[in-house]
């Protein structure tokens, strides 16, 4: 098991879903956690209590990472509280279903600001603090649709494809500073984001997955924890697909 004792990890959008699972896993491995949320304060408080009950330590910070000043506030609160920052997991994101031609300008701007610019904002604010860490890591949560694109999810695919390229380019730039930058690209995962699917739609989708099931949030968290650990000290610029063989 990876050892993250002594490390401080910021996980955006971590009051539920994949972000929650990542925060829990990093805490179990010894990291101090900053839970970030924009609306779900109850969820953030619940996770903090559970982390503390399991012997971990966490705080929560409310911030909308799509806004640069709030992303800056989030990072500064983390550093002010813990004195440093070692790991950043950019997980905050939203989906947008529908034909591209039917999306209005507000929908277009919103998903780009949250998914893509949220990742850019937090990373830009965090880098100067990560420079002081020994073996810092940034892990961005992308999607398989960032790799190949998805009909009816064009905007979502756009933002996740941008995260993939951002990851690869920034990894080259920060490698000399010993900051690793990687991403994970989940396939179909059991989260609230997929609750809109009917049972029949889930069955059809499952048939397209060679492993015959949806992934679990803990399976994404396991890969993120590896990328955040010193065991991945020579891994950078990678987008690891976790999709049960779907693509």
Protein backbone atom coordinates (compact mmCIF):
# COMPACT_ATOMS: atom_id res chain seq x y z
CA UNK A 1 0.00 0.00 0.00
CA UNK A 2 1.22 3.48 -0.89
CA UNK A 3 2.33 5.77 1.91
CA UNK A 4 1.20 9.39 1.78
CA UNK A 5 1.95 10.21 5.41
CA UNK A 6 3.00 13.81 5.85
CA UNK A 7 1.55 14.92 2.53
CA UNK A 8 -1.19 17.50 2.10
CA UNK A 9 -3.70 16.85 -0.67
CA UNK A 10 -6.31 19.16 -2.14
CA UNK A 11 -9.18 17.44 -3.96
CA UNK A 12 -11.62 19.68 -5.82
CA UNK A 13 -15.26 18.71 -6.08
CA UNK A 14 -14.83 16.18 -3.30
CA UNK A 15 -18.16 16.31 -1.45
CA UNK A 16 -19.48 13.31 -3.39
CA UNK A 17 -18.82 10.80 -6.15
CA UNK A 18 -15.35 10.19 -7.51
CA UNK A 19 -13.90 13.15 -5.64
CA UNK A 20 -15.23 11.84 -2.34
CA UNK A 21 -13.72 8.40 -2.99
CA UNK A 22 -10.37 9.97 -3.87
CA UNK A 23 -10.35 12.07 -0.70
CA UNK A 24 -11.17 9.03 1.42
CA UNK A 25 -8.44 6.92 -0.18
CA UNK A 26 -5.75 9.58 0.13
CA UNK A 27 -6.70 10.03 3.78
CA UNK A 28 -6.49 6.28 4.46
CA UNK A 29 -2.98 6.38 2.99
CA UNK A 30 -1.97 9.09 5.45
CA UNK A 31 -2.49 12.40 3.67
CA UNK A 32 -4.15 15.44 5.25
CA UNK A 33 -7.07 16.42 3.04
CA UNK A 34 -8.71 19.62 1.86
CA UNK A 35 -12.29 18.85 0.86
CA UNK A 36 -13.54 21.36 -1.69
CA UNK A 37 -17.17 21.98 -2.55
CA UNK A 38 -19.21 24.74 -4.15
CA UNK A 39 -22.73 23.87 -2.93
CA UNK A 40 -22.87 20.58 -0.99
CA UNK A 41 -21.78 21.69 2.47
CA UNK A 42 -23.61 18.82 4.15
CA UNK A 43 -21.76 16.31 2.01
CA UNK A 44 -18.42 17.94 2.77
CA UNK A 45 -19.10 17.93 6.52
CA UNK A 46 -20.19 14.29 6.43
CA UNK A 47 -16.98 13.22 4.71
CA UNK A 48 -14.80 15.20 7.12
CA UNK A 49 -16.47 13.54 10.09
CA UNK A 50 -15.97 10.10 8.59
CA UNK A 51 -12.31 10.82 7.83
CA UNK A 52 -11.77 11.98 11.41
CA UNK A 53 -13.55 8.91 12.79
CA UNK A 54 -11.07 6.77 10.84
CA UNK A 55 -8.10 8.61 12.34
CA UNK A 56 -7.49 11.02 9.47
CA UNK A 57 -7.48 14.80 9.28
CA UNK A 58 -9.39 17.03 6.89
CA UNK A 59 -10.83 20.49 6.48
CA UNK A 60 -13.35 21.83 3.99
CA UNK A 61 -13.20 24.96 1.88
CA UNK A 62 -16.13 26.30 -0.10
CA UNK A 63 -15.00 27.67 -3.46
CA UNK A 64 -16.24 27.74 -7.03
CA UNK A 65 -13.09 26.78 -8.94
CA UNK A 66 -14.54 28.11 -12.20
CA UNK A 67 -13.79 31.58 -10.80
CA UNK A 68 -10.08 32.37 -10.58
CA UNK A 69 -10.26 34.41 -7.38
CA UNK A 70 -12.13 31.62 -5.61
CA UNK A 71 -9.63 29.04 -6.85
CA UNK A 72 -6.88 31.26 -5.49
CA UNK A 73 -8.71 31.52 -2.16
CA UNK A 74 -9.04 27.72 -2.02
CA UNK A 75 -5.33 27.14 -2.52
CA UNK A 76 -4.35 29.88 -0.09
CA UNK A 77 -6.68 28.50 2.59
CA UNK A 78 -5.10 25.08 2.18
CA UNK A 79 -1.57 26.42 2.50
CA UNK A 80 -2.43 28.77 5.36
CA UNK A 81 -3.91 25.89 7.32
CA UNK A 82 -1.35 23.17 6.63
CA UNK A 83 1.71 25.24 5.75
CA UNK A 84 2.29 23.47 2.44
CA UNK A 85 0.71 21.62 -0.48
CA UNK A 86 1.95 18.36 -2.02
CA UNK A 87 -0.87 16.93 -4.10
CA UNK A 88 -3.59 18.55 -6.19
CA UNK A 89 -6.41 16.47 -7.64
CA UNK A 90 -8.52 18.43 -10.09
CA UNK A 91 -11.79 16.52 -10.01
CA UNK A 92 -14.54 19.18 -10.01
CA UNK A 93 -16.71 18.81 -13.08
CA UNK A 94 -20.20 18.82 -14.54
CA UNK A 95 -21.80 17.11 -17.54
CA UNK A 96 -23.91 18.50 -20.33
CA UNK A 97 -26.11 16.21 -22.41
CA UNK A 98 -27.82 17.17 -25.65
CA UNK A 99 -27.16 18.07 -29.25
CA UNK A 100 -24.40 20.65 -29.58
CA UNK A 101 -26.58 22.83 -31.82
CA UNK A 102 -29.18 23.02 -29.06
CA UNK A 103 -26.80 24.20 -26.33
CA UNK A 104 -27.15 27.88 -25.48
CA UNK A 105 -24.23 30.18 -24.79
CA UNK A 106 -24.67 29.95 -21.02
CA UNK A 107 -24.43 26.15 -21.10
CA UNK A 108 -21.34 26.36 -23.30
CA UNK A 109 -19.60 28.88 -21.06
CA UNK A 110 -20.57 27.10 -17.85
CA UNK A 111 -19.18 23.68 -18.68
CA UNK A 112 -15.97 25.14 -20.09
CA UNK A 113 -15.49 27.31 -17.01
CA UNK A 114 -16.13 24.52 -14.51
CA UNK A 115 -14.45 21.55 -16.19
CA UNK A 116 -11.56 23.08 -18.09
CA UNK A 117 -10.91 26.46 -16.52
CA UNK A 118 -11.51 25.10 -13.03
CA UNK A 119 -8.60 22.74 -13.58
CA UNK A 120 -6.48 25.51 -15.08
CA UNK A 121 -7.32 27.99 -12.31
CA UNK A 122 -6.51 25.72 -9.38
CA UNK A 123 -3.33 24.43 -11.01
CA UNK A 124 -2.09 27.91 -11.84
CA UNK A 125 -2.60 29.02 -8.24
CA UNK A 126 -1.05 25.87 -6.76
CA UNK A 127 2.18 25.56 -8.74
CA UNK A 128 4.23 28.05 -6.72
CA UNK A 129 3.39 26.12 -3.56
CA UNK A 130 4.04 22.72 -5.13
CA UNK A 131 7.53 23.89 -6.07
CA UNK A 132 8.44 23.75 -2.38
CA UNK A 133 7.31 20.15 -2.05
CA UNK A 134 9.55 17.15 -2.60
CA UNK A 135 7.90 15.00 -5.24
CA UNK A 136 4.70 16.97 -5.76
CA UNK A 137 1.96 15.59 -7.94
CA UNK A 138 -1.00 16.93 -9.91
CA UNK A 139 -3.69 14.49 -11.02
CA UNK A 140 -6.46 15.68 -13.33
CA UNK A 141 -9.71 13.75 -13.68
CA UNK A 142 -10.60 13.50 -17.36
CA UNK A 143 -12.82 10.99 -19.17
CA UNK A 144 -12.69 8.42 -21.94
CA UNK A 145 -14.70 10.93 -23.96
CA UNK A 146 -11.74 13.28 -23.72
CA UNK A 147 -9.80 10.61 -25.63
CA UNK A 148 -12.25 9.88 -28.44
CA UNK A 149 -15.22 12.25 -28.14
CA UNK A 150 -18.86 11.36 -27.61
CA UNK A 151 -21.94 12.25 -29.62
CA UNK A 152 -24.51 14.08 -27.50
CA UNK A 153 -21.71 15.06 -25.11
CA UNK A 154 -19.69 17.30 -27.37
CA UNK A 155 -19.08 20.04 -24.82
CA UNK A 156 -18.11 17.55 -22.11
CA UNK A 157 -15.74 15.86 -24.56
CA UNK A 158 -14.27 19.24 -25.48
CA UNK A 159 -13.41 20.07 -21.89
CA UNK A 160 -11.96 16.65 -21.10
CA UNK A 161 -9.90 16.64 -24.29
CA UNK A 162 -8.53 20.01 -23.24
CA UNK A 163 -7.60 18.58 -19.84
CA UNK A 164 -5.70 15.75 -21.55
CA UNK A 165 -3.61 18.15 -23.63
CA UNK A 166 -3.12 20.49 -20.68
CA UNK A 167 -1.84 17.52 -18.66
CA UNK A 168 0.69 16.42 -21.25
CA UNK A 169 2.00 19.91 -21.98
CA UNK A 170 2.28 20.99 -18.35
CA UNK A 171 4.01 17.74 -17.42
CA UNK A 172 6.84 18.59 -19.81
CA UNK A 173 7.10 22.10 -18.43
CA UNK A 174 7.14 21.08 -14.76
CA UNK A 175 9.23 17.92 -14.96
CA UNK A 176 12.52 19.80 -14.36
CA UNK A 177 10.95 21.15 -11.14
CA UNK A 178 10.12 17.61 -9.99
CA UNK A 179 6.37 18.16 -10.21
CA UNK A 180 4.57 15.31 -11.91
CA UNK A 181 1.35 15.92 -13.87
CA UNK A 182 -0.91 13.05 -14.87
CA UNK A 183 -4.57 12.38 -15.56
CA UNK A 184 -7.03 9.55 -15.26
CA UNK A 185 -9.73 8.97 -17.87
CA UNK A 186 -12.61 7.02 -16.29
CA UNK A 187 -15.12 5.12 -18.37
CA UNK A 188 -18.66 4.48 -17.17
CA UNK A 189 -18.61 4.71 -13.38
CA UNK A 190 -21.34 4.16 -10.79
CA UNK A 191 -21.98 7.78 -9.79
CA UNK A 192 -24.92 10.15 -9.48
CA UNK A 193 -23.91 11.57 -12.86
CA UNK A 194 -25.23 8.39 -14.49
CA UNK A 195 -28.48 8.20 -12.53
CA UNK A 196 -30.41 9.66 -15.46
CA UNK A 197 -29.98 6.35 -17.31
CA UNK A 198 -32.88 3.90 -17.26
CA UNK A 199 -32.28 0.26 -16.33
CA UNK A 200 -32.59 -0.73 -19.99
CA UNK A 201 -30.07 1.94 -21.01
CA UNK A 202 -27.69 0.72 -18.32
CA UNK A 203 -28.02 -2.84 -19.61
CA UNK A 204 -27.24 -1.76 -23.16
CA UNK A 205 -24.25 0.24 -22.00
CA UNK A 206 -22.99 -2.64 -19.87
CA UNK A 207 -22.99 -4.87 -22.94
CA UNK A 208 -20.48 -2.49 -24.55
CA UNK A 209 -18.03 -2.96 -21.66
CA UNK A 210 -15.84 -6.10 -22.00
CA UNK A 211 -15.65 -6.48 -18.21
CA UNK A 212 -19.45 -6.55 -18.12
CA UNK A 213 -20.04 -3.91 -15.46
CA UNK A 214 -19.75 -0.24 -14.58
CA UNK A 215 -16.63 0.81 -12.70
CA UNK A 216 -16.71 1.82 -9.05
CA UNK A 217 -15.49 5.13 -7.66
CA UNK A 218 -13.00 3.29 -5.45
CA UNK A 219 -11.33 1.87 -8.55
CA UNK A 220 -10.66 5.38 -9.82
CA UNK A 221 -9.43 6.44 -6.38
CA UNK A 222 -6.95 3.54 -6.33
CA UNK A 223 -5.27 4.73 -9.54
CA UNK A 224 -5.24 8.36 -8.43
CA UNK A 225 -3.59 7.38 -5.15
CA UNK A 226 -0.85 5.59 -7.08
CA UNK A 227 -0.22 8.64 -9.27
CA UNK A 228 -0.13 10.86 -6.17
CA UNK A 229 2.39 8.63 -4.41
CA UNK A 230 6.18 8.42 -4.60
CA UNK A 231 5.77 4.98 -6.20
CA UNK A 232 4.86 6.88 -9.38
CA UNK A 233 8.00 9.01 -9.18
CA UNK A 234 8.91 8.43 -12.85
CA UNK A 235 5.36 8.71 -14.23
CA UNK A 236 4.40 12.03 -15.74
CA UNK A 237 2.47 13.31 -18.75
CA UNK A 238 0.23 10.24 -18.82
CA UNK A 239 -3.53 9.90 -19.25
CA UNK A 240 -4.46 6.52 -17.76
CA UNK A 241 -7.71 5.09 -19.10
CA UNK A 242 -9.83 3.17 -16.58
CA UNK A 243 -12.79 1.81 -18.52
CA UNK A 244 -13.00 -1.97 -18.19
CA UNK A 245 -11.74 -2.33 -21.76
CA UNK A 246 -14.58 -0.31 -23.29
CA UNK A 247 -12.39 1.61 -25.73
